[in-house]
N, C-alpha and C. Protein backbone atom coordinates (compact mmCIF):
# COMPACT_ATOMS: atom_id res chain seq x y z
N MET A 1 92.80 33.48 17.90
CA MET A 1 92.19 34.10 19.59
C MET A 1 92.90 33.66 19.87
N GLN A 2 93.46 34.65 20.80
CA GLN A 2 93.94 34.03 22.23
C GLN A 2 94.11 33.37 23.05
N LYS A 3 94.82 33.10 23.69
CA LYS A 3 94.62 32.30 24.46
C LYS A 3 95.84 32.31 25.35
N ASN A 4 95.56 32.39 26.80
CA ASN A 4 96.01 32.82 27.90
C ASN A 4 94.66 32.35 29.06
N ILE A 5 94.98 31.12 29.48
CA ILE A 5 94.08 30.36 30.01
C ILE A 5 93.59 30.83 31.75
N SER A 6 94.92 31.05 32.42
CA SER A 6 94.72 31.88 33.37
C SER A 6 93.94 32.90 33.73
N ASN A 7 93.71 33.76 32.49
CA ASN A 7 92.54 34.98 32.74
C ASN A 7 92.05 34.88 30.40
N HIS A 8 90.69 34.65 31.01
CA HIS A 8 90.14 34.49 29.72
C HIS A 8 89.29 35.45 29.44
N THR A 9 88.75 36.14 28.15
CA THR A 9 87.81 36.99 28.43
C THR A 9 86.46 36.39 27.40
N ILE A 10 85.24 35.69 27.07
CA ILE A 10 84.84 35.09 26.39
C ILE A 10 83.69 35.81 26.77
N ALA A 11 82.59 36.59 25.07
CA ALA A 11 81.16 37.43 25.40
C ALA A 11 81.22 38.62 27.21
N GLY A 12 81.95 38.33 27.58
CA GLY A 12 82.46 39.13 28.23
C GLY A 12 82.13 38.49 29.75
N LYS A 13 82.63 37.35 29.48
CA LYS A 13 83.31 36.17 30.97
C LYS A 13 84.09 36.16 31.09
N LYS A 14 84.28 36.61 32.19
CA LYS A 14 86.14 35.87 32.55
C LYS A 14 85.77 33.76 32.30
N TYR A 15 86.36 32.87 32.13
CA TYR A 15 86.91 31.83 32.23
C TYR A 15 88.47 31.21 32.89
N LYS A 16 88.36 29.92 33.39
CA LYS A 16 89.95 29.41 34.69
C LYS A 16 89.73 28.77 33.85
N GLY A 17 90.52 28.04 33.91
CA GLY A 17 91.06 26.80 33.93
C GLY A 17 89.25 26.13 33.46
N SER A 18 89.78 25.03 33.69
CA SER A 18 88.39 23.54 32.78
C SER A 18 86.57 24.49 32.41
N ASP A 19 87.01 25.71 32.93
CA ASP A 19 85.49 26.56 32.30
C ASP A 19 85.77 26.51 31.12
N LEU A 20 87.13 26.85 30.52
CA LEU A 20 87.63 28.59 29.48
C LEU A 20 87.09 26.79 28.27
N GLN A 21 88.23 26.12 29.06
CA GLN A 21 88.14 24.68 28.00
C GLN A 21 87.06 23.88 27.80
N ARG A 22 86.49 24.00 27.81
CA ARG A 22 84.28 23.74 27.93
C ARG A 22 84.26 24.20 27.01
N GLU A 23 84.84 26.47 27.32
CA GLU A 23 83.44 26.98 26.67
C GLU A 23 84.20 27.27 24.48
N LEU A 24 86.03 26.50 24.90
CA LEU A 24 86.38 26.62 23.98
C LEU A 24 85.54 25.83 22.71
N LEU A 25 85.06 24.82 23.75
CA LEU A 25 83.99 23.42 22.68
C LEU A 25 83.45 23.89 22.13
N ILE A 26 82.45 25.00 23.10
CA ILE A 26 80.82 24.74 22.79
C ILE A 26 81.21 25.87 21.28
N VAL A 27 82.94 27.17 21.80
CA VAL A 27 82.61 27.94 20.75
C VAL A 27 82.94 26.93 19.02
N ARG A 28 83.86 25.75 19.35
CA ARG A 28 84.72 25.36 18.18
C ARG A 28 82.45 24.29 17.61
N LEU A 29 82.04 24.08 19.37
CA LEU A 29 81.04 23.25 18.06
C LEU A 29 79.94 24.54 17.05
N ILE A 30 79.81 25.80 17.78
CA ILE A 30 78.72 26.22 16.60
C ILE A 30 79.31 26.85 16.31
N SER A 31 80.73 27.46 15.72
CA SER A 31 81.00 27.89 14.68
C SER A 31 81.54 26.49 13.74
N GLN A 32 81.32 25.64 13.72
CA GLN A 32 80.85 24.27 12.98
C GLN A 32 79.95 24.30 12.48
N ASP A 33 78.68 24.46 12.82
CA ASP A 33 77.46 24.96 12.47
C ASP A 33 77.21 25.58 12.57
N GLY A 34 78.21 27.37 11.84
CA GLY A 34 77.62 28.16 10.55
C GLY A 34 77.09 29.79 10.73
N ARG A 35 77.41 28.68 12.88
CA ARG A 35 76.17 29.70 13.50
C ARG A 35 77.12 31.19 14.37
N GLU A 36 77.03 32.31 14.42
CA GLU A 36 77.76 33.26 14.65
C GLU A 36 77.97 33.79 16.23
N ILE A 37 78.76 33.60 16.83
CA ILE A 37 79.03 33.48 18.11
C ILE A 37 79.44 35.77 19.09
N LYS A 38 77.80 35.61 19.39
CA LYS A 38 77.92 36.98 19.85
C LYS A 38 78.31 37.18 21.86
């Protein structure tokens, strides 16, 4: 996964700063739970 804090796209959405950090935490939790991110 590329790290670009200023402009990062996840699932077709753009996040900046804290929104990105929060989304990455959610992605990590779901990944650990064994589900696929689409």
